Amino acid sequence: MSASSLDEAGRLFELRSAPVSDFAAQAEAVASACHAMAVRFHRGGKLLVFGVGGPSTDAQHVAVEFVHPVIVGKRALPAISLTTDVATVTGVAAREGMEGIFAHQIRYLAEPADIALGISSDGYSPSVLSGLQAAHQLGLLTIALAGESGGAAEGGVSAIASSPAVDHLLLARSTDPRIVKEIQVTIYHVLWELVHVFFEQPGLLAPEAVA
Protein backbone atom coordinates (compact mmCIF):
# COMPACT_ATOMS: atom_id res chain seq x y z
CA MET A 1 0.00 0.00 0.00
CA SER A 2 1.36 3.39 -0.98
CA ALA A 3 2.08 6.20 1.46
CA SER A 4 -0.44 8.41 -0.34
CA SER A 5 -3.18 5.82 0.23
CA LEU A 6 -2.36 5.69 3.92
CA ASP A 7 -2.36 9.47 4.13
CA GLU A 8 -5.76 9.62 2.46
CA ALA A 9 -7.16 6.99 4.83
CA GLY A 10 -5.88 9.00 7.77
CA ARG A 11 -7.46 12.15 6.39
CA LEU A 12 -10.85 10.45 6.01
CA PHE A 13 -10.78 9.23 9.59
CA GLU A 14 -9.70 12.65 10.81
CA LEU A 15 -12.70 14.26 9.08
CA ARG A 16 -14.93 12.14 11.29
CA SER A 17 -13.08 12.72 14.53
CA ALA A 18 -14.51 16.12 15.49
CA PRO A 19 -18.17 15.34 14.56
CA VAL A 20 -18.05 12.06 16.51
CA SER A 21 -16.55 13.80 19.54
CA ASP A 22 -19.20 16.48 19.29
CA PHE A 23 -21.94 13.83 19.25
CA ALA A 24 -20.43 12.21 22.35
CA ALA A 25 -20.58 15.61 24.05
CA GLN A 26 -24.35 15.59 23.46
CA ALA A 27 -24.80 12.57 25.75
CA GLU A 28 -26.98 14.46 28.22
CA ALA A 29 -29.24 15.75 25.46
CA VAL A 30 -29.54 12.26 23.99
CA ALA A 31 -30.39 10.74 27.38
CA SER A 32 -33.01 13.43 27.99
CA ALA A 33 -34.66 12.75 24.62
CA CYS A 34 -34.66 8.99 25.25
CA HIS A 35 -36.23 9.36 28.68
CA ALA A 36 -38.98 11.54 27.22
CA MET A 37 -39.55 8.97 24.45
CA ALA A 38 -39.77 6.10 26.94
CA VAL A 39 -42.37 7.97 28.98
CA ARG A 40 -44.48 8.57 25.86
CA PHE A 41 -44.27 4.91 24.83
CA HIS A 42 -45.34 3.85 28.33
CA ARG A 43 -48.33 6.15 28.09
CA GLY A 44 -49.43 4.33 24.97
CA GLY A 45 -47.89 6.65 22.41
CA LYS A 46 -46.35 5.69 19.10
CA LEU A 47 -43.40 7.03 17.13
CA LEU A 48 -43.93 8.88 13.83
CA VAL A 49 -40.72 9.29 11.82
CA PHE A 50 -40.15 11.32 8.67
CA GLY A 51 -37.54 12.88 6.40
CA VAL A 52 -37.02 13.91 2.77
CA GLY A 53 -34.58 12.33 0.32
CA GLY A 54 -31.89 10.23 2.01
CA PRO A 55 -33.45 10.74 5.46
CA SER A 56 -36.70 9.21 4.15
CA THR A 57 -34.92 5.85 4.15
CA ASP A 58 -33.58 6.59 7.63
CA ALA A 59 -37.18 7.09 8.74
CA GLN A 60 -38.02 3.60 7.50
CA HIS A 61 -34.92 2.23 9.24
CA VAL A 62 -35.91 3.82 12.55
CA ALA A 63 -39.47 2.51 12.33
CA VAL A 64 -38.44 -1.09 11.72
CA GLU A 65 -35.87 -0.93 14.54
CA PHE A 66 -38.67 -0.16 17.00
CA VAL A 67 -41.39 -2.39 15.53
CA HIS A 68 -39.15 -5.40 14.86
CA PRO A 69 -36.08 -5.19 17.14
CA VAL A 70 -33.00 -6.86 15.71
CA ILE A 71 -31.99 -7.93 19.23
CA VAL A 72 -34.06 -10.90 20.35
CA GLY A 73 -35.93 -10.32 23.60
CA LYS A 74 -36.21 -6.56 23.26
CA ARG A 75 -39.73 -5.16 23.38
CA ALA A 76 -41.35 -4.14 20.09
CA LEU A 77 -42.74 -0.61 20.16
CA PRO A 78 -45.21 1.08 17.78
CA ALA A 79 -43.58 3.20 15.09
CA ILE A 80 -44.62 4.42 11.65
CA SER A 81 -42.55 5.92 8.87
CA LEU A 82 -44.55 8.67 7.18
CA THR A 83 -42.41 8.33 4.05
CA THR A 84 -43.66 4.87 3.07
CA ASP A 85 -47.19 5.83 1.98
CA VAL A 86 -46.34 6.95 -1.54
CA ALA A 87 -49.96 7.56 -2.53
CA THR A 88 -50.56 9.94 0.39
CA VAL A 89 -47.19 11.69 0.06
CA THR A 90 -47.62 12.35 -3.65
CA GLY A 91 -51.29 13.22 -3.30
CA VAL A 92 -50.63 15.81 -0.60
CA ALA A 93 -47.64 17.17 -2.54
CA ALA A 94 -49.76 17.64 -5.66
CA ARG A 95 -52.53 19.47 -3.81
CA GLU A 96 -50.74 21.28 -0.97
CA GLY A 97 -47.09 21.29 -2.04
CA MET A 98 -44.12 19.38 -0.67
CA GLU A 99 -44.06 21.41 2.52
CA GLY A 100 -47.31 19.83 3.70
CA ILE A 101 -46.57 16.12 3.16
CA PHE A 102 -45.79 15.29 6.80
CA ALA A 103 -47.90 17.92 8.56
CA HIS A 104 -51.01 16.59 6.80
CA GLN A 105 -50.34 13.00 7.90
CA ILE A 106 -49.58 14.03 11.46
CA ARG A 107 -52.81 15.99 11.77
CA TYR A 108 -54.82 12.90 10.82
CA LEU A 109 -52.73 10.04 12.23
CA ALA A 110 -51.20 11.38 15.45
CA GLU A 111 -52.44 11.49 19.03
CA PRO A 112 -51.14 13.89 21.71
CA ALA A 113 -49.26 11.07 23.48
CA ASP A 114 -47.19 10.31 20.36
CA ILE A 115 -43.62 11.16 19.40
CA ALA A 116 -42.60 12.96 16.19
CA LEU A 117 -39.04 12.38 15.00
CA GLY A 118 -37.96 14.50 12.05
CA ILE A 119 -34.67 13.82 10.26
CA SER A 120 -32.89 16.39 8.07
CA SER A 121 -29.44 16.21 6.52
CA ASP A 122 -28.84 19.96 6.84
CA GLY A 123 -31.51 21.16 9.27
CA TYR A 124 -33.16 23.29 6.61
CA SER A 125 -36.12 21.21 5.39
CA PRO A 126 -39.50 22.99 5.15
CA SER A 127 -41.32 19.64 4.95
CA VAL A 128 -39.69 18.28 8.09
CA LEU A 129 -40.10 21.53 9.99
CA SER A 130 -43.79 21.77 9.06
CA GLY A 131 -44.26 18.23 10.33
CA LEU A 132 -42.59 19.07 13.62
CA GLN A 133 -44.68 22.24 13.96
CA ALA A 134 -47.92 20.34 13.36
CA ALA A 135 -46.84 17.74 15.92
CA HIS A 136 -45.98 20.41 18.48
CA GLN A 137 -49.36 22.05 18.04
CA LEU A 138 -51.07 18.72 18.79
CA GLY A 139 -48.99 18.17 21.94
CA LEU A 140 -46.63 15.48 20.63
CA LEU A 141 -43.07 15.14 21.88
CA THR A 142 -40.88 16.49 19.06
CA ILE A 143 -37.32 15.41 18.32
CA ALA A 144 -35.17 16.58 15.42
CA LEU A 145 -32.02 14.98 14.03
CA ALA A 146 -30.25 17.60 11.94
CA GLY A 147 -26.94 17.95 10.18
CA GLU A 148 -24.46 20.83 10.04
CA SER A 149 -25.80 23.63 12.27
CA GLY A 150 -29.39 22.46 12.19
CA GLY A 151 -30.19 25.25 9.74
CA ALA A 152 -29.13 27.94 12.20
CA ALA A 153 -26.32 29.18 9.95
CA GLU A 154 -28.74 29.83 7.10
CA GLY A 155 -31.37 31.38 9.35
CA GLY A 156 -34.87 32.06 8.14
CA VAL A 157 -38.18 30.48 9.00
CA SER A 158 -37.17 27.00 7.80
CA ALA A 159 -34.27 26.56 10.24
CA ILE A 160 -35.06 23.55 12.41
CA ALA A 161 -32.48 24.45 15.07
CA SER A 162 -34.18 27.73 15.95
CA SER A 163 -37.75 26.46 15.93
CA PRO A 164 -39.67 26.51 19.23
CA ALA A 165 -41.58 23.50 17.91
CA VAL A 166 -38.55 21.25 18.56
CA ASP A 167 -38.35 19.83 22.10
CA HIS A 168 -35.07 17.97 21.58
CA LEU A 169 -32.46 18.82 18.93
CA LEU A 170 -29.60 16.40 18.21
CA LEU A 171 -26.95 17.59 15.77
CA ALA A 172 -24.48 15.85 13.48
CA ARG A 173 -22.09 18.76 13.02
CA SER A 174 -20.41 18.25 9.67
CA THR A 175 -20.69 19.87 6.26
CA ASP A 176 -20.06 16.50 4.58
CA PRO A 177 -23.44 14.79 3.96
CA ARG A 178 -21.82 11.35 4.14
CA ILE A 179 -20.53 12.01 7.63
CA VAL A 180 -23.87 13.49 8.68
CA LYS A 181 -25.54 10.28 7.49
CA GLU A 182 -23.11 8.10 9.44
CA ILE A 183 -23.59 10.05 12.65
CA GLN A 184 -27.37 10.20 12.33
CA VAL A 185 -27.51 6.42 11.93
CA THR A 186 -25.49 6.17 15.14
CA ILE A 187 -27.78 8.67 16.86
CA TYR A 188 -30.97 6.78 16.19
CA HIS A 189 -29.40 3.46 17.14
CA VAL A 190 -28.41 5.04 20.46
CA LEU A 191 -31.94 6.41 20.85
CA TRP A 192 -33.34 2.92 20.41
CA GLU A 193 -30.90 1.40 22.89
CA LEU A 194 -31.45 4.00 25.60
CA VAL A 195 -35.24 3.85 25.31
CA HIS A 196 -34.95 0.16 26.16
CA VAL A 197 -32.61 0.92 29.04
CA PHE A 198 -35.34 3.09 30.55
CA PHE A 199 -37.89 0.31 30.05
CA GLU A 200 -35.61 -2.03 31.97
CA GLN A 201 -35.50 0.47 34.85
CA PRO A 202 -39.17 1.50 35.18
CA GLY A 203 -38.50 3.46 38.35
CA LEU A 204 -36.85 6.11 36.18
CA LEU A 205 -40.11 6.76 34.34
CA ALA A 206 -42.92 9.04 35.45
CA PRO A 207 -45.18 7.46 38.09
CA GLU A 208 -48.24 7.84 35.88
CA ALA A 209 -46.64 5.76 33.12
CA VAL A 210 -48.20 2.38 32.45
CA ALA A 211 -46.64 -0.67 30.84
C-alpha atoms as a PDB file:
ATOM      1  CA  MET A   1       0.000   0.000   0.000  1.00  0.00           C
ATOM      2  CA  SER A   2       1.357   3.393  -0.978  1.00  0.00           C
ATOM      3  CA  ALA A   3       2.078   6.204   1.459  1.00  0.00           C
ATOM      4  CA  SER A   4      -0.444   8.410  -0.344  1.00  0.00           C
ATOM      5  CA  SER A   5      -3.181   5.819   0.226  1.00  0.00           C
ATOM      6  CA  LEU A   6      -2.363   5.689   3.924  1.00  0.00           C
ATOM      7  CA  ASP A   7      -2.355   9.466   4.128  1.00  0.00           C
ATOM      8  CA  GLU A   8      -5.763   9.619   2.461  1.00  0.00           C
ATOM      9  CA  ALA A   9      -7.162   6.989   4.829  1.00  0.00           C
ATOM     10  CA  GLY A  10      -5.882   8.997   7.771  1.00  0.00           C
ATOM     11  CA  ARG A  11      -7.463  12.152   6.391  1.00  0.00           C
ATOM     12  CA  LEU A  12     -10.852  10.454   6.006  1.00  0.00           C
ATOM     13  CA  PHE A  13     -10.778   9.235   9.594  1.00  0.00           C
ATOM     14  CA  GLU A  14      -9.704  12.652  10.809  1.00  0.00           C
ATOM     15  CA  LEU A  15     -12.701  14.261   9.078  1.00  0.00           C
ATOM     16  CA  ARG A  16     -14.926  12.136  11.292  1.00  0.00           C
ATOM     17  CA  SER A  17     -13.079  12.722  14.534  1.00  0.00           C
ATOM     18  CA  ALA A  18     -14.509  16.121  15.490  1.00  0.00           C
ATOM     19  CA  PRO A  19     -18.165  15.337  14.555  1.00  0.00           C
ATOM     20  CA  VAL A  20     -18.054  12.060  16.507  1.00  0.00           C
ATOM     21  CA  SER A  21     -16.549  13.796  19.543  1.00  0.00           C
ATOM     22  CA  ASP A  22     -19.204  16.479  19.286  1.00  0.00           C
ATOM     23  CA  PHE A  23     -21.940  13.834  19.248  1.00  0.00           C
ATOM     24  CA  ALA A  24     -20.426  12.213  22.348  1.00  0.00           C
ATOM     25  CA  ALA A  25     -20.577  15.611  24.049  1.00  0.00           C
ATOM     26  CA  GLN A  26     -24.349  15.595  23.462  1.00  0.00           C
ATOM     27  CA  ALA A  27     -24.797  12.574  25.751  1.00  0.00           C
ATOM     28  CA  GLU A  28     -26.982  14.456  28.223  1.00  0.00           C
ATOM     29  CA  ALA A  29     -29.236  15.754  25.458  1.00  0.00           C
ATOM     30  CA  VAL A  30     -29.543  12.263  23.987  1.00  0.00           C
ATOM     31  CA  ALA A  31     -30.391  10.742  27.381  1.00  0.00           C
ATOM     32  CA  SER A  32     -33.014  13.428  27.991  1.00  0.00           C
ATOM     33  CA  ALA A  33     -34.656  12.753  24.623  1.00  0.00           C
ATOM     34  CA  CYS A  34     -34.664   8.992  25.253  1.00  0.00           C
ATOM     35  CA  HIS A  35     -36.233   9.358  28.681  1.00  0.00           C
ATOM     36  CA  ALA A  36     -38.980  11.538  27.220  1.00  0.00           C
ATOM     37  CA  MET A  37     -39.555   8.966  24.454  1.00  0.00           C
ATOM     38  CA  ALA A  38     -39.769   6.102  26.940  1.00  0.00           C
ATOM     39  CA  VAL A  39     -42.369   7.968  28.981  1.00  0.00           C
ATOM     40  CA  ARG A  40     -44.476   8.572  25.865  1.00  0.00           C
ATOM     41  CA  PHE A  41     -44.271   4.909  24.829  1.00  0.00           C
ATOM     42  CA  HIS A  42     -45.338   3.853  28.331  1.00  0.00           C
ATOM     43  CA  ARG A  43     -48.327   6.149  28.091  1.00  0.00           C
ATOM     44  CA  GLY A  44     -49.429   4.332  24.967  1.00  0.00           C
ATOM     45  CA  GLY A  45     -47.890   6.651  22.410  1.00  0.00           C
ATOM     46  CA  LYS A  46     -46.349   5.693  19.098  1.00  0.00           C
ATOM     47  CA  LEU A  47     -43.397   7.030  17.127  1.00  0.00           C
ATOM     48  CA  LEU A  48     -43.930   8.880  13.834  1.00  0.00           C
ATOM     49  CA  VAL A  49     -40.723   9.294  11.815  1.00  0.00           C
ATOM     50  CA  PHE A  50     -40.151  11.321   8.670  1.00  0.00           C
ATOM     51  CA  GLY A  51     -37.543  12.877   6.404  1.00  0.00           C
ATOM     52  CA  VAL A  52     -37.018  13.909   2.771  1.00  0.00           C
ATOM     53  CA  GLY A  53     -34.579  12.334   0.320  1.00  0.00           C
ATOM     54  CA  GLY A  54     -31.895  10.234   2.009  1.00  0.00           C
ATOM     55  CA  PRO A  55     -33.454  10.745   5.459  1.00  0.00           C
ATOM     56  CA  SER A  56     -36.698   9.213   4.154  1.00  0.00           C
ATOM     57  CA  THR A  57     -34.924   5.850   4.151  1.00  0.00           C
ATOM     58  CA  ASP A  58     -33.579   6.588   7.628  1.00  0.00           C
ATOM     59  CA  ALA A  59     -37.181   7.088   8.736  1.00  0.00           C
ATOM     60  CA  GLN A  60     -38.020   3.601   7.496  1.00  0.00           C
ATOM     61  CA  HIS A  61     -34.922   2.230   9.238  1.00  0.00           C
ATOM     62  CA  VAL A  62     -35.905   3.824  12.551  1.00  0.00           C
ATOM     63  CA  ALA A  63     -39.473   2.507  12.331  1.00  0.00           C
ATOM     64  CA  VAL A  64     -38.442  -1.090  11.720  1.00  0.00           C
ATOM     65  CA  GLU A  65     -35.872  -0.932  14.536  1.00  0.00           C
ATOM     66  CA  PHE A  66     -38.671  -0.162  17.003  1.00  0.00           C
ATOM     67  CA  VAL A  67     -41.385  -2.393  15.527  1.00  0.00           C
ATOM     68  CA  HIS A  68     -39.149  -5.403  14.860  1.00  0.00           C
ATOM     69  CA  PRO A  69     -36.084  -5.194  17.141  1.00  0.00           C
ATOM     70  CA  VAL A  70     -32.998  -6.855  15.713  1.00  0.00           C
ATOM     71  CA  ILE A  71     -31.985  -7.926  19.234  1.00  0.00           C
ATOM     72  CA  VAL A  72     -34.056 -10.904  20.354  1.00  0.00           C
ATOM     73  CA  GLY A  73     -35.928 -10.321  23.599  1.00  0.00           C
ATOM     74  CA  LYS A  74     -36.213  -6.561  23.262  1.00  0.00           C
ATOM     75  CA  ARG A  75     -39.727  -5.159  23.384  1.00  0.00           C
ATOM     76  CA  ALA A  76     -41.351  -4.142  20.091  1.00  0.00           C
ATOM     77  CA  LEU A  77     -42.739  -0.615  20.158  1.00  0.00           C
ATOM     78  CA  PRO A  78     -45.209   1.078  17.782  1.00  0.00           C
ATOM     79  CA  ALA A  79     -43.580   3.197  15.094  1.00  0.00           C
ATOM     80  CA  ILE A  80     -44.616   4.416  11.650  1.00  0.00           C
ATOM     81  CA  SER A  81     -42.546   5.921   8.869  1.00  0.00           C
ATOM     82  CA  LEU A  82     -44.547   8.673   7.178  1.00  0.00           C
ATOM     83  CA  THR A  83     -42.409   8.334   4.053  1.00  0.00           C
ATOM     84  CA  THR A  84     -43.662   4.868   3.074  1.00  0.00           C
ATOM     85  CA  ASP A  85     -47.193   5.826   1.976  1.00  0.00           C
ATOM     86  CA  VAL A  86     -46.344   6.955  -1.542  1.00  0.00           C
ATOM     87  CA  ALA A  87     -49.963   7.561  -2.529  1.00  0.00           C
ATOM     88  CA  THR A  88     -50.555   9.939   0.390  1.00  0.00           C
ATOM     89  CA  VAL A  89     -47.195  11.688   0.061  1.00  0.00           C
ATOM     90  CA  THR A  90     -47.616  12.349  -3.651  1.00  0.00           C
ATOM     91  CA  GLY A  91     -51.291  13.223  -3.301  1.00  0.00           C
ATOM     92  CA  VAL A  92     -50.634  15.810  -0.604  1.00  0.00           C
ATOM     93  CA  ALA A  93     -47.639  17.168  -2.538  1.00  0.00           C
ATOM     94  CA  ALA A  94     -49.763  17.635  -5.659  1.00  0.00           C
ATOM     95  CA  ARG A  95     -52.525  19.471  -3.811  1.00  0.00           C
ATOM     96  CA  GLU A  96     -50.738  21.279  -0.973  1.00  0.00           C
ATOM     97  CA  GLY A  97     -47.088  21.287  -2.041  1.00  0.00           C
ATOM     98  CA  MET A  98     -44.122  19.377  -0.669  1.00  0.00           C
ATOM     99  CA  GLU A  99     -44.059  21.407   2.524  1.00  0.00           C
ATOM    100  CA  GLY A 100     -47.307  19.826   3.700  1.00  0.00           C
ATOM    101  CA  ILE A 101     -46.572  16.121   3.158  1.00  0.00           C
ATOM    102  CA  PHE A 102     -45.786  15.290   6.797  1.00  0.00           C
ATOM    103  CA  ALA A 103     -47.896  17.923   8.557  1.00  0.00           C
ATOM    104  CA  HIS A 104     -51.012  16.592   6.804  1.00  0.00           C
ATOM    105  CA  GLN A 105     -50.338  13.004   7.900  1.00  0.00           C
ATOM    106  CA  ILE A 106     -49.581  14.029  11.465  1.00  0.00           C
ATOM    107  CA  ARG A 107     -52.812  15.992  11.772  1.00  0.00           C
ATOM    108  CA  TYR A 108     -54.822  12.898  10.818  1.00  0.00           C
ATOM    109  CA  LEU A 109     -52.729  10.039  12.233  1.00  0.00           C
ATOM    110  CA  ALA A 110     -51.203  11.378  15.448  1.00  0.00           C
ATOM    111  CA  GLU A 111     -52.438  11.491  19.033  1.00  0.00           C
ATOM    112  CA  PRO A 112     -51.136  13.885  21.709  1.00  0.00           C
ATOM    113  CA  ALA A 113     -49.260  11.066  23.479  1.00  0.00           C
ATOM    114  CA  ASP A 114     -47.193  10.308  20.362  1.00  0.00           C
ATOM    115  CA  ILE A 115     -43.622  11.164  19.398  1.00  0.00           C
ATOM    116  CA  ALA A 116     -42.600  12.956  16.193  1.00  0.00           C
ATOM    117  CA  LEU A 117     -39.038  12.376  15.004  1.00  0.00           C
ATOM    118  CA  GLY A 118     -37.961  14.503  12.047  1.00  0.00           C
ATOM    119  CA  ILE A 119     -34.673  13.823  10.256  1.00  0.00           C
ATOM    120  CA  SER A 120     -32.893  16.392   8.070  1.00  0.00           C
ATOM    121  CA  SER A 121     -29.439  16.214   6.520  1.00  0.00           C
ATOM    122  CA  ASP A 122     -28.842  19.959   6.840  1.00  0.00           C
ATOM    123  CA  GLY A 123     -31.506  21.158   9.270  1.00  0.00           C
ATOM    124  CA  TYR A 124     -33.160  23.288   6.607  1.00  0.00           C
ATOM    125  CA  SER A 125     -36.120  21.209   5.389  1.00  0.00           C
ATOM    126  CA  PRO A 126     -39.497  22.986   5.147  1.00  0.00           C
ATOM    127  CA  SER A 127     -41.325  19.637   4.953  1.00  0.00           C
ATOM    128  CA  VAL A 128     -39.690  18.277   8.089  1.00  0.00           C
ATOM    129  CA  LEU A 129     -40.097  21.528   9.993  1.00  0.00           C
ATOM    130  CA  SER A 130     -43.786  21.766   9.064  1.00  0.00           C
ATOM    131  CA  GLY A 131     -44.263  18.228  10.333  1.00  0.00           C
ATOM    132  CA  LEU A 132     -42.590  19.074  13.624  1.00  0.00           C
ATOM    133  CA  GLN A 133     -44.675  22.240  13.957  1.00  0.00           C
ATOM    134  CA  ALA A 134     -47.920  20.337  13.365  1.00  0.00           C
ATOM    135  CA  ALA A 135     -46.844  17.742  15.923  1.00  0.00           C
ATOM    136  CA  HIS A 136     -45.976  20.406  18.481  1.00  0.00           C
ATOM    137  CA  GLN A 137     -49.362  22.049  18.040  1.00  0.00           C
ATOM    138  CA  LEU A 138     -51.065  18.720  18.788  1.00  0.00           C
ATOM    139  CA  GLY A 139     -48.995  18.167  21.938  1.00  0.00           C
ATOM    140  CA  LEU A 140     -46.627  15.483  20.627  1.00  0.00           C
ATOM    141  CA  LEU A 141     -43.068  15.138  21.878  1.00  0.00           C
ATOM    142  CA  THR A 142     -40.884  16.494  19.062  1.00  0.00           C
ATOM    143  CA  ILE A 143     -37.322  15.412  18.322  1.00  0.00           C
ATOM    144  CA  ALA A 144     -35.166  16.584  15.417  1.00  0.00           C
ATOM    145  CA  LEU A 145     -32.024  14.981  14.029  1.00  0.00           C
ATOM    146  CA  ALA A 146     -30.253  17.598  11.940  1.00  0.00           C
ATOM    147  CA  GLY A 147     -26.938  17.950  10.178  1.00  0.00           C
ATOM    148  CA  GLU A 148     -24.459  20.832  10.044  1.00  0.00           C
ATOM    149  CA  SER A 149     -25.800  23.634  12.269  1.00  0.00           C
ATOM    150  CA  GLY A 150     -29.389  22.456  12.192  1.00  0.00           C
ATOM    151  CA  GLY A 151     -30.191  25.248   9.745  1.00  0.00           C
ATOM    152  CA  ALA A 152     -29.126  27.945  12.201  1.00  0.00           C
ATOM    153  CA  ALA A 153     -26.317  29.178   9.952  1.00  0.00           C
ATOM    154  CA  GLU A 154     -28.738  29.830   7.096  1.00  0.00           C
ATOM    155  CA  GLY A 155     -31.371  31.382   9.350  1.00  0.00           C
ATOM    156  CA  GLY A 156     -34.869  32.061   8.141  1.00  0.00           C
ATOM    157  CA  VAL A 157     -38.184  30.476   9.001  1.00  0.00           C
ATOM    158  CA  SER A 158     -37.173  27.003   7.797  1.00  0.00           C
ATOM    159  CA  ALA A 159     -34.272  26.556  10.242  1.00  0.00           C
ATOM    160  CA  ILE A 160     -35.065  23.546  12.412  1.00  0.00           C
ATOM    161  CA  ALA A 161     -32.482  24.452  15.067  1.00  0.00           C
ATOM    162  CA  SER A 162     -34.178  27.726  15.952  1.00  0.00           C
ATOM    163  CA  SER A 163     -37.749  26.458  15.927  1.00  0.00           C
ATOM    164  CA  PRO A 164     -39.668  26.515  19.230  1.00  0.00           C
ATOM    165  CA  ALA A 165     -41.577  23.497  17.913  1.00  0.00           C
ATOM    166  CA  VAL A 166     -38.550  21.250  18.564  1.00  0.00           C
ATOM    167  CA  ASP A 167     -38.354  19.830  22.098  1.00  0.00           C
ATOM    168  CA  HIS A 168     -35.074  17.968  21.582  1.00  0.00           C
ATOM    169  CA  LEU A 169     -32.460  18.816  18.933  1.00  0.00           C
ATOM    170  CA  LEU A 170     -29.597  16.400  18.211  1.00  0.00           C
ATOM    171  CA  LEU A 171     -26.946  17.586  15.765  1.00  0.00           C
ATOM    172  CA  ALA A 172     -24.480  15.849  13.480  1.00  0.00           C
ATOM    173  CA  ARG A 173     -22.094  18.759  13.023  1.00  0.00           C
ATOM    174  CA  SER A 174     -20.413  18.251   9.669  1.00  0.00           C
ATOM    175  CA  THR A 175     -20.693  19.865   6.257  1.00  0.00           C
ATOM    176  CA  ASP A 176     -20.064  16.497   4.584  1.00  0.00           C
ATOM    177  CA  PRO A 177     -23.441  14.792   3.959  1.00  0.00           C
ATOM    178  CA  ARG A 178     -21.820  11.349   4.138  1.00  0.00           C
ATOM    179  CA  ILE A 179     -20.530  12.012   7.631  1.00  0.00           C
ATOM    180  CA  VAL A 180     -23.867  13.494   8.680  1.00  0.00           C
ATOM    181  CA  LYS A 181     -25.539  10.284   7.494  1.00  0.00           C
ATOM    182  CA  GLU A 182     -23.110   8.098   9.436  1.00  0.00           C
ATOM    183  CA  ILE A 183     -23.594  10.049  12.655  1.00  0.00           C
ATOM    184  CA  GLN A 184     -27.366  10.200  12.328  1.00  0.00           C
ATOM    185  CA  VAL A 185     -27.508   6.422  11.934  1.00  0.00           C
ATOM    186  CA  THR A 186     -25.494   6.165  15.138  1.00  0.00           C
ATOM    187  CA  ILE A 187     -27.784   8.675  16.861  1.00  0.00           C
ATOM    188  CA  TYR A 188     -30.973   6.778  16.186  1.00  0.00           C
ATOM    189  CA  HIS A 189     -29.396   3.463  17.139  1.00  0.00           C
ATOM    190  CA  VAL A 190     -28.408   5.036  20.457  1.00  0.00           C
ATOM    191  CA  LEU A 191     -31.941   6.413  20.851  1.00  0.00           C
ATOM    192  CA  TRP A 192     -33.337   2.920  20.407  1.00  0.00           C
ATOM    193  CA  GLU A 193     -30.898   1.402  22.889  1.00  0.00           C
ATOM    194  CA  LEU A 194     -31.448   4.000  25.602  1.00  0.00           C
ATOM    195  CA  VAL A 195     -35.238   3.855  25.310  1.00  0.00           C
ATOM    196  CA  HIS A 196     -34.950   0.159  26.157  1.00  0.00           C
ATOM    197  CA  VAL A 197     -32.610   0.923  29.036  1.00  0.00           C
ATOM    198  CA  PHE A 198     -35.344   3.092  30.551  1.00  0.00           C
ATOM    199  CA  PHE A 199     -37.889   0.308  30.053  1.00  0.00           C
ATOM    200  CA  GLU A 200     -35.612  -2.028  31.974  1.00  0.00           C
ATOM    201  CA  GLN A 201     -35.499   0.470  34.855  1.00  0.00           C
ATOM    202  CA  PRO A 202     -39.166   1.497  35.180  1.00  0.00           C
ATOM    203  CA  GLY A 203     -38.499   3.464  38.354  1.00  0.00           C
ATOM    204  CA  LEU A 204     -36.848   6.112  36.176  1.00  0.00           C
ATOM    205  CA  LEU A 205     -40.110   6.756  34.339  1.00  0.00           C
ATOM    206  CA  ALA A 206     -42.917   9.042  35.451  1.00  0.00           C
ATOM    207  CA  PRO A 207     -45.182   7.455  38.090  1.00  0.00           C
ATOM    208  CA  GLU A 208     -48.240   7.844  35.880  1.00  0.00           C
ATOM    209  CA  ALA A 209     -46.643   5.760  33.121  1.00  0.00           C
ATOM    210  CA  VAL A 210     -48.204   2.380  32.446  1.00  0.00           C
ATOM    211  CA  ALA A 211     -46.638  -0.675  30.835  1.00  0.00           C
END
